[in-house]
Amino acid sequence: MAGKTTRRKTTGRKTTGRKAAQRKSVQRRTASRKISRQKALPRPSTRRAAAHYWSGRVTEESNALDLEPGVFSGKDPERIASSLKRSAEKSHRRKSDPYRSAMSMLVFYINRAGKKLPAGRRRVLERAKDALRRQFDRD
């Protein structure tokens, strides 16, 4: 039996050949799909990531109004309205009358926050709109 070779019993799968190559390419494609799905998921929001949005820059460094720092974070609607009124009347770069500039900045801030604005903050800012109307005698 010196010249006879023994055949190994295979499990039905070949490790080389065309089918194996196809299987590997399918694995690569599904792996890349998984990666692309992971990339498509929204990133967790960070303060640094929000800095590149133009709408964030408007409230930070508006060209029309010189806003006081933290004007929208106050709890008193009257103070928010008076600060906006003061900024609008002081500014010489605005394109419309002071009332419209102040009101549009406040509305812009509310709309920009959208659904993420807590109900309490929204209530304060809506009252600030009413206070702004009163201060400009537009009631």
N, C-alpha and C. Protein backbone atom coordinates (compact mmCIF):
# COMPACT_ATOMS: atom_id res chain seq x y z
N MET A 1 0.81 -1.18 0.00
CA MET A 1 0.00 0.00 0.00
C MET A 1 0.86 1.25 0.00
N ALA A 2 2.01 1.10 -0.47
CA ALA A 2 2.92 2.21 -0.48
C ALA A 2 2.50 3.26 -1.47
N GLY A 3 1.92 2.92 -2.59
CA GLY A 3 1.58 3.89 -3.62
C GLY A 3 0.18 4.46 -3.48
N LYS A 4 -0.59 3.96 -2.57
CA LYS A 4 -1.97 4.40 -2.45
C LYS A 4 -2.08 5.59 -1.47
N THR A 5 -2.78 6.61 -1.90
CA THR A 5 -3.00 7.78 -1.03
C THR A 5 -4.38 7.67 -0.41
N THR A 6 -4.47 8.12 0.79
CA THR A 6 -5.77 8.08 1.45
C THR A 6 -6.46 9.42 1.27
N ARG A 7 -7.72 9.34 1.02
CA ARG A 7 -8.52 10.56 0.85
C ARG A 7 -9.13 10.94 2.17
N ARG A 8 -9.06 12.21 2.45
CA ARG A 8 -9.72 12.68 3.66
C ARG A 8 -11.19 12.89 3.40
N LYS A 9 -11.96 12.63 4.38
CA LYS A 9 -13.39 12.86 4.25
C LYS A 9 -13.65 14.35 4.53
N THR A 10 -14.32 15.06 3.61
CA THR A 10 -14.58 16.49 3.78
C THR A 10 -15.95 16.69 4.39
N THR A 11 -16.12 17.86 4.95
CA THR A 11 -17.40 18.18 5.61
C THR A 11 -18.40 18.79 4.65
N GLY A 12 -18.06 18.85 3.40
CA GLY A 12 -18.98 19.43 2.43
C GLY A 12 -18.64 20.86 2.08
N ARG A 13 -17.74 21.47 2.80
CA ARG A 13 -17.34 22.85 2.52
C ARG A 13 -15.89 22.87 2.09
N LYS A 14 -15.66 23.51 0.99
CA LYS A 14 -14.29 23.69 0.57
C LYS A 14 -13.81 25.04 1.07
N THR A 15 -12.58 25.10 1.43
CA THR A 15 -12.05 26.37 1.92
C THR A 15 -11.47 27.22 0.80
N THR A 16 -11.31 26.65 -0.34
CA THR A 16 -10.81 27.42 -1.48
C THR A 16 -11.78 27.27 -2.62
N GLY A 17 -11.61 28.11 -3.59
CA GLY A 17 -12.47 28.02 -4.76
C GLY A 17 -13.41 29.20 -4.87
N ARG A 18 -14.26 29.11 -5.88
CA ARG A 18 -15.14 30.23 -6.19
C ARG A 18 -16.20 30.47 -5.12
N LYS A 19 -16.79 29.43 -4.58
CA LYS A 19 -17.83 29.62 -3.55
C LYS A 19 -17.28 30.26 -2.29
N ALA A 20 -16.07 29.88 -1.92
CA ALA A 20 -15.46 30.48 -0.73
C ALA A 20 -15.21 31.97 -0.96
N ALA A 21 -14.77 32.32 -2.16
CA ALA A 21 -14.53 33.73 -2.49
C ALA A 21 -15.83 34.51 -2.46
N GLN A 22 -16.90 33.91 -2.97
CA GLN A 22 -18.20 34.57 -2.94
C GLN A 22 -18.66 34.78 -1.50
N ARG A 23 -18.45 33.77 -0.67
CA ARG A 23 -18.86 33.87 0.73
C ARG A 23 -18.10 34.99 1.43
N LYS A 24 -16.81 35.11 1.14
CA LYS A 24 -16.00 36.16 1.75
C LYS A 24 -16.46 37.54 1.29
N SER A 25 -16.79 37.67 0.00
CA SER A 25 -17.23 38.98 -0.49
C SER A 25 -18.58 39.36 0.12
N VAL A 26 -19.46 38.38 0.31
CA VAL A 26 -20.74 38.65 0.96
C VAL A 26 -20.51 39.10 2.40
N GLN A 27 -19.59 38.45 3.08
CA GLN A 27 -19.28 38.84 4.46
C GLN A 27 -18.74 40.27 4.51
N ARG A 28 -17.89 40.61 3.54
CA ARG A 28 -17.34 41.97 3.50
C ARG A 28 -18.44 43.00 3.25
N ARG A 29 -19.34 42.68 2.32
CA ARG A 29 -20.43 43.62 2.01
C ARG A 29 -21.35 43.83 3.20
N THR A 30 -21.71 42.75 3.88
CA THR A 30 -22.60 42.92 5.04
C THR A 30 -21.89 43.65 6.16
N ALA A 31 -20.58 43.41 6.30
CA ALA A 31 -19.83 44.14 7.33
C ALA A 31 -19.79 45.62 7.00
N SER A 32 -19.61 45.96 5.72
CA SER A 32 -19.58 47.38 5.35
C SER A 32 -20.95 48.02 5.53
N ARG A 33 -22.02 47.24 5.29
CA ARG A 33 -23.36 47.78 5.51
C ARG A 33 -23.58 48.09 6.98
N LYS A 34 -23.10 47.19 7.84
CA LYS A 34 -23.24 47.41 9.28
C LYS A 34 -22.50 48.67 9.70
N ILE A 35 -21.32 48.86 9.14
CA ILE A 35 -20.54 50.05 9.46
C ILE A 35 -21.24 51.30 8.96
N SER A 36 -21.77 51.25 7.72
CA SER A 36 -22.43 52.43 7.19
C SER A 36 -23.70 52.75 7.97
N ARG A 37 -24.40 51.72 8.47
CA ARG A 37 -25.57 51.98 9.31
C ARG A 37 -25.16 52.66 10.60
N GLN A 38 -24.04 52.22 11.15
CA GLN A 38 -23.57 52.84 12.37
C GLN A 38 -23.18 54.29 12.13
N LYS A 39 -22.62 54.58 10.97
CA LYS A 39 -22.22 55.96 10.67
C LYS A 39 -23.44 56.85 10.47
N ALA A 40 -24.54 56.25 9.98
CA ALA A 40 -25.73 57.04 9.69
C ALA A 40 -26.47 57.46 10.96
N LEU A 41 -26.21 56.79 12.07
CA LEU A 41 -26.89 57.16 13.31
C LEU A 41 -26.44 58.54 13.76
N PRO A 42 -27.33 59.32 14.35
CA PRO A 42 -26.96 60.67 14.79
C PRO A 42 -25.94 60.61 15.93
N ARG A 43 -25.03 61.55 15.89
CA ARG A 43 -24.03 61.63 16.94
C ARG A 43 -24.64 62.25 18.18
N PRO A 44 -24.14 61.89 19.34
CA PRO A 44 -24.63 62.55 20.55
C PRO A 44 -24.27 64.03 20.50
N SER A 45 -25.19 64.87 20.90
CA SER A 45 -24.96 66.30 20.80
C SER A 45 -23.95 66.76 21.83
N THR A 46 -23.07 67.62 21.40
CA THR A 46 -22.09 68.22 22.29
C THR A 46 -22.08 69.71 22.03
N ARG A 47 -21.58 70.45 22.97
CA ARG A 47 -21.52 71.90 22.79
C ARG A 47 -20.62 72.26 21.62
N ARG A 48 -19.52 71.50 21.46
CA ARG A 48 -18.59 71.81 20.39
C ARG A 48 -19.19 71.54 19.02
N ALA A 49 -19.98 70.48 18.91
CA ALA A 49 -20.57 70.12 17.63
C ALA A 49 -21.59 71.18 17.21
N ALA A 50 -22.29 71.78 18.14
CA ALA A 50 -23.32 72.77 17.81
C ALA A 50 -22.72 74.10 17.39
N ALA A 51 -21.44 74.27 17.59
CA ALA A 51 -20.82 75.56 17.31
C ALA A 51 -20.75 75.87 15.83
N HIS A 52 -20.87 74.87 14.97
CA HIS A 52 -20.73 75.14 13.54
C HIS A 52 -22.04 75.51 12.85
N TYR A 53 -23.15 75.49 13.55
CA TYR A 53 -24.42 75.87 12.93
C TYR A 53 -24.53 77.39 12.87
N TRP A 54 -24.99 77.90 11.74
CA TRP A 54 -25.10 79.36 11.56
C TRP A 54 -26.12 79.94 12.53
N SER A 55 -27.17 79.17 12.84
CA SER A 55 -28.20 79.71 13.73
C SER A 55 -27.68 79.90 15.15
N GLY A 56 -26.72 79.09 15.55
CA GLY A 56 -26.12 79.27 16.87
C GLY A 56 -25.26 80.51 16.92
N ARG A 57 -24.61 80.81 15.81
CA ARG A 57 -23.78 82.01 15.77
C ARG A 57 -24.62 83.28 15.80
N VAL A 58 -25.83 83.23 15.26
CA VAL A 58 -26.68 84.43 15.23
C VAL A 58 -26.96 84.93 16.64
N THR A 59 -27.34 84.01 17.53
CA THR A 59 -27.63 84.46 18.89
C THR A 59 -26.36 84.83 19.64
N GLU A 60 -25.24 84.21 19.27
CA GLU A 60 -23.98 84.52 19.94
C GLU A 60 -23.42 85.86 19.48
N GLU A 61 -23.35 86.06 18.17
CA GLU A 61 -22.68 87.24 17.64
C GLU A 61 -23.51 87.88 16.53
N SER A 62 -24.71 88.28 16.86
CA SER A 62 -25.60 88.89 15.89
C SER A 62 -25.02 90.20 15.37
N ASN A 63 -25.18 90.42 14.09
CA ASN A 63 -24.69 91.65 13.50
C ASN A 63 -25.69 92.79 13.68
N ALA A 64 -26.93 92.45 13.96
CA ALA A 64 -27.97 93.47 14.08
C ALA A 64 -28.06 94.03 15.50
N LEU A 65 -27.96 93.16 16.48
CA LEU A 65 -28.11 93.59 17.87
C LEU A 65 -26.90 93.17 18.70
N ASP A 66 -26.48 94.03 19.61
CA ASP A 66 -25.44 93.66 20.57
C ASP A 66 -26.14 93.17 21.83
N LEU A 67 -26.39 91.87 21.87
CA LEU A 67 -27.13 91.29 22.99
C LEU A 67 -26.26 91.17 24.22
N GLU A 68 -26.86 91.35 25.37
CA GLU A 68 -26.16 91.13 26.62
C GLU A 68 -25.94 89.63 26.79
N PRO A 69 -24.83 89.23 27.38
CA PRO A 69 -24.59 87.79 27.57
C PRO A 69 -25.66 87.16 28.47
N GLY A 70 -26.19 86.02 28.04
CA GLY A 70 -27.18 85.29 28.83
C GLY A 70 -28.53 85.96 28.89
N VAL A 71 -28.86 86.78 27.89
CA VAL A 71 -30.13 87.51 27.92
C VAL A 71 -31.32 86.56 27.90
N PHE A 72 -31.23 85.45 27.18
CA PHE A 72 -32.36 84.54 27.06
C PHE A 72 -32.43 83.52 28.19
N SER A 73 -31.42 83.47 29.03
CA SER A 73 -31.42 82.48 30.10
C SER A 73 -32.03 83.01 31.40
N GLY A 74 -32.46 84.27 31.41
CA GLY A 74 -33.07 84.85 32.61
C GLY A 74 -34.44 84.28 32.88
N LYS A 75 -34.91 84.46 34.11
CA LYS A 75 -36.22 83.92 34.49
C LYS A 75 -37.31 84.98 34.50
N ASP A 76 -36.91 86.24 34.43
CA ASP A 76 -37.88 87.34 34.49
C ASP A 76 -38.18 87.84 33.08
N PRO A 77 -39.43 87.69 32.61
CA PRO A 77 -39.78 88.12 31.26
C PRO A 77 -39.57 89.63 31.04
N GLU A 78 -39.83 90.42 32.07
CA GLU A 78 -39.67 91.87 31.95
C GLU A 78 -38.20 92.24 31.71
N ARG A 79 -37.31 91.56 32.40
CA ARG A 79 -35.87 91.84 32.23
C ARG A 79 -35.39 91.42 30.85
N ILE A 80 -35.89 90.29 30.36
CA ILE A 80 -35.52 89.83 29.02
C ILE A 80 -35.99 90.86 28.00
N ALA A 81 -37.25 91.30 28.14
CA ALA A 81 -37.81 92.27 27.20
C ALA A 81 -37.08 93.61 27.27
N SER A 82 -36.77 94.08 28.46
CA SER A 82 -36.09 95.37 28.57
C SER A 82 -34.67 95.29 28.03
N SER A 83 -34.01 94.15 28.20
CA SER A 83 -32.66 93.97 27.65
C SER A 83 -32.70 93.97 26.13
N LEU A 84 -33.68 93.28 25.56
CA LEU A 84 -33.81 93.26 24.10
C LEU A 84 -34.14 94.66 23.57
N LYS A 85 -35.02 95.37 24.28
CA LYS A 85 -35.39 96.72 23.86
C LYS A 85 -34.17 97.64 23.90
N ARG A 86 -33.42 97.55 24.97
CA ARG A 86 -32.22 98.38 25.12
C ARG A 86 -31.22 98.09 24.00
N SER A 87 -31.00 96.82 23.71
CA SER A 87 -30.06 96.43 22.66
C SER A 87 -30.53 96.90 21.29
N ALA A 88 -31.83 96.79 21.05
CA ALA A 88 -32.36 97.18 19.74
C ALA A 88 -32.30 98.69 19.54
N GLU A 89 -32.60 99.45 20.59
CA GLU A 89 -32.57 100.91 20.45
C GLU A 89 -31.14 101.44 20.37
N LYS A 90 -30.21 100.75 20.99
CA LYS A 90 -28.82 101.18 20.99
C LYS A 90 -28.11 100.87 19.67
N SER A 91 -28.57 99.82 18.99
CA SER A 91 -27.89 99.37 17.78
C SER A 91 -28.17 100.30 16.60
N HIS A 92 -27.10 100.57 15.83
CA HIS A 92 -27.25 101.38 14.61
C HIS A 92 -27.12 100.51 13.36
N ARG A 93 -26.92 99.22 13.56
CA ARG A 93 -26.73 98.32 12.41
C ARG A 93 -28.00 97.59 12.02
N ARG A 94 -29.06 97.76 12.78
CA ARG A 94 -30.28 97.03 12.46
C ARG A 94 -30.91 97.56 11.19
N LYS A 95 -31.70 96.70 10.53
CA LYS A 95 -32.29 97.07 9.25
C LYS A 95 -33.73 97.56 9.38
N SER A 96 -34.37 97.30 10.51
CA SER A 96 -35.76 97.75 10.69
C SER A 96 -35.88 98.48 12.02
N ASP A 97 -37.12 98.81 12.37
CA ASP A 97 -37.32 99.57 13.62
C ASP A 97 -36.95 98.70 14.83
N PRO A 98 -36.67 99.31 15.98
CA PRO A 98 -36.21 98.56 17.15
C PRO A 98 -37.17 97.46 17.61
N TYR A 99 -38.47 97.73 17.52
CA TYR A 99 -39.44 96.73 17.97
C TYR A 99 -39.32 95.45 17.13
N ARG A 100 -39.28 95.61 15.82
CA ARG A 100 -39.18 94.43 14.95
C ARG A 100 -37.88 93.68 15.16
N SER A 101 -36.78 94.40 15.36
CA SER A 101 -35.49 93.75 15.57
C SER A 101 -35.50 92.94 16.87
N ALA A 102 -36.02 93.54 17.93
CA ALA A 102 -36.05 92.86 19.23
C ALA A 102 -36.98 91.65 19.19
N MET A 103 -38.16 91.84 18.62
CA MET A 103 -39.14 90.76 18.56
C MET A 103 -38.64 89.62 17.66
N SER A 104 -38.03 89.96 16.53
CA SER A 104 -37.56 88.89 15.65
C SER A 104 -36.42 88.11 16.27
N MET A 105 -35.57 88.76 17.06
CA MET A 105 -34.50 88.03 17.73
C MET A 105 -35.07 87.07 18.77
N LEU A 106 -36.08 87.51 19.50
CA LEU A 106 -36.72 86.65 20.50
C LEU A 106 -37.43 85.47 19.85
N VAL A 107 -38.17 85.73 18.79
CA VAL A 107 -38.88 84.67 18.08
C VAL A 107 -37.89 83.70 17.44
N PHE A 108 -36.80 84.23 16.90
CA PHE A 108 -35.76 83.39 16.31
C PHE A 108 -35.20 82.43 17.36
N TYR A 109 -34.94 82.93 18.55
CA TYR A 109 -34.40 82.09 19.62
C TYR A 109 -35.39 81.00 20.00
N ILE A 110 -36.66 81.34 20.12
CA ILE A 110 -37.69 80.36 20.49
C ILE A 110 -37.81 79.29 19.40
N ASN A 111 -37.86 79.72 18.14
CA ASN A 111 -38.00 78.76 17.04
C ASN A 111 -36.77 77.88 16.90
N ARG A 112 -35.61 78.45 17.15
CA ARG A 112 -34.37 77.70 17.01
C ARG A 112 -34.31 76.58 18.05
N ALA A 113 -34.82 76.85 19.25
CA ALA A 113 -34.81 75.83 20.29
C ALA A 113 -35.77 74.69 19.95
N GLY A 114 -36.88 75.03 19.32
CA GLY A 114 -37.82 74.01 18.85
C GLY A 114 -38.43 73.19 19.97
N LYS A 115 -38.56 71.88 19.72
CA LYS A 115 -39.20 70.99 20.68
C LYS A 115 -38.34 70.74 21.91
N LYS A 116 -37.05 71.02 21.80
CA LYS A 116 -36.15 70.77 22.93
C LYS A 116 -36.27 71.81 24.03
N LEU A 117 -36.97 72.91 23.75
CA LEU A 117 -37.14 73.96 24.75
C LEU A 117 -38.15 73.48 25.80
N PRO A 118 -37.74 73.42 27.06
CA PRO A 118 -38.67 72.97 28.11
C PRO A 118 -39.88 73.91 28.22
N ALA A 119 -40.97 73.38 28.68
CA ALA A 119 -42.22 74.14 28.76
C ALA A 119 -42.07 75.38 29.64
N GLY A 120 -41.34 75.27 30.73
CA GLY A 120 -41.14 76.42 31.62
C GLY A 120 -40.38 77.55 30.94
N ARG A 121 -39.33 77.19 30.20
CA ARG A 121 -38.54 78.21 29.47
C ARG A 121 -39.40 78.85 28.38
N ARG A 122 -40.16 78.01 27.68
CA ARG A 122 -41.02 78.53 26.61
C ARG A 122 -42.04 79.52 27.17
N ARG A 123 -42.60 79.19 28.35
CA ARG A 123 -43.57 80.07 28.98
C ARG A 123 -42.95 81.43 29.31
N VAL A 124 -41.74 81.40 29.86
CA VAL A 124 -41.04 82.64 30.21
C VAL A 124 -40.78 83.47 28.96
N LEU A 125 -40.33 82.82 27.89
CA LEU A 125 -40.01 83.55 26.66
C LEU A 125 -41.28 84.08 25.97
N GLU A 126 -42.37 83.32 26.05
CA GLU A 126 -43.64 83.82 25.48
C GLU A 126 -44.13 85.04 26.28
N ARG A 127 -43.94 85.01 27.59
CA ARG A 127 -44.31 86.18 28.40
C ARG A 127 -43.41 87.37 28.09
N ALA A 128 -42.15 87.06 27.75
CA ALA A 128 -41.22 88.14 27.37
C ALA A 128 -41.69 88.81 26.08
N LYS A 129 -42.30 88.04 25.19
CA LYS A 129 -42.86 88.64 23.96
C LYS A 129 -43.99 89.61 24.32
N ASP A 130 -44.85 89.21 25.25
CA ASP A 130 -45.94 90.09 25.69
C ASP A 130 -45.38 91.34 26.36
N ALA A 131 -44.34 91.15 27.18
CA ALA A 131 -43.72 92.28 27.87
C ALA A 131 -43.07 93.23 26.86
N LEU A 132 -42.48 92.68 25.83
CA LEU A 132 -41.84 93.50 24.79
C LEU A 132 -42.90 94.33 24.05
N ARG A 133 -44.03 93.71 23.77
CA ARG A 133 -45.13 94.46 23.13
C ARG A 133 -45.58 95.62 24.02
N ARG A 134 -45.72 95.37 25.32
CA ARG A 134 -46.14 96.42 26.25
C ARG A 134 -45.11 97.55 26.32
N GLN A 135 -43.82 97.18 26.37
CA GLN A 135 -42.77 98.19 26.49
C GLN A 135 -42.66 99.07 25.25
N PHE A 136 -43.03 98.53 24.12
CA PHE A 136 -43.02 99.32 22.89
C PHE A 136 -44.40 99.90 22.57
N ASP A 137 -45.34 99.76 23.50
CA ASP A 137 -46.72 100.25 23.33
C ASP A 137 -47.37 99.69 22.08
N ARG A 138 -47.21 98.39 21.87
CA ARG A 138 -47.81 97.73 20.72
C ARG A 138 -48.89 96.76 21.16
N ASP A 139 -49.41 96.97 22.35
CA ASP A 139 -50.40 96.05 22.93
C ASP A 139 -51.71 96.08 22.27
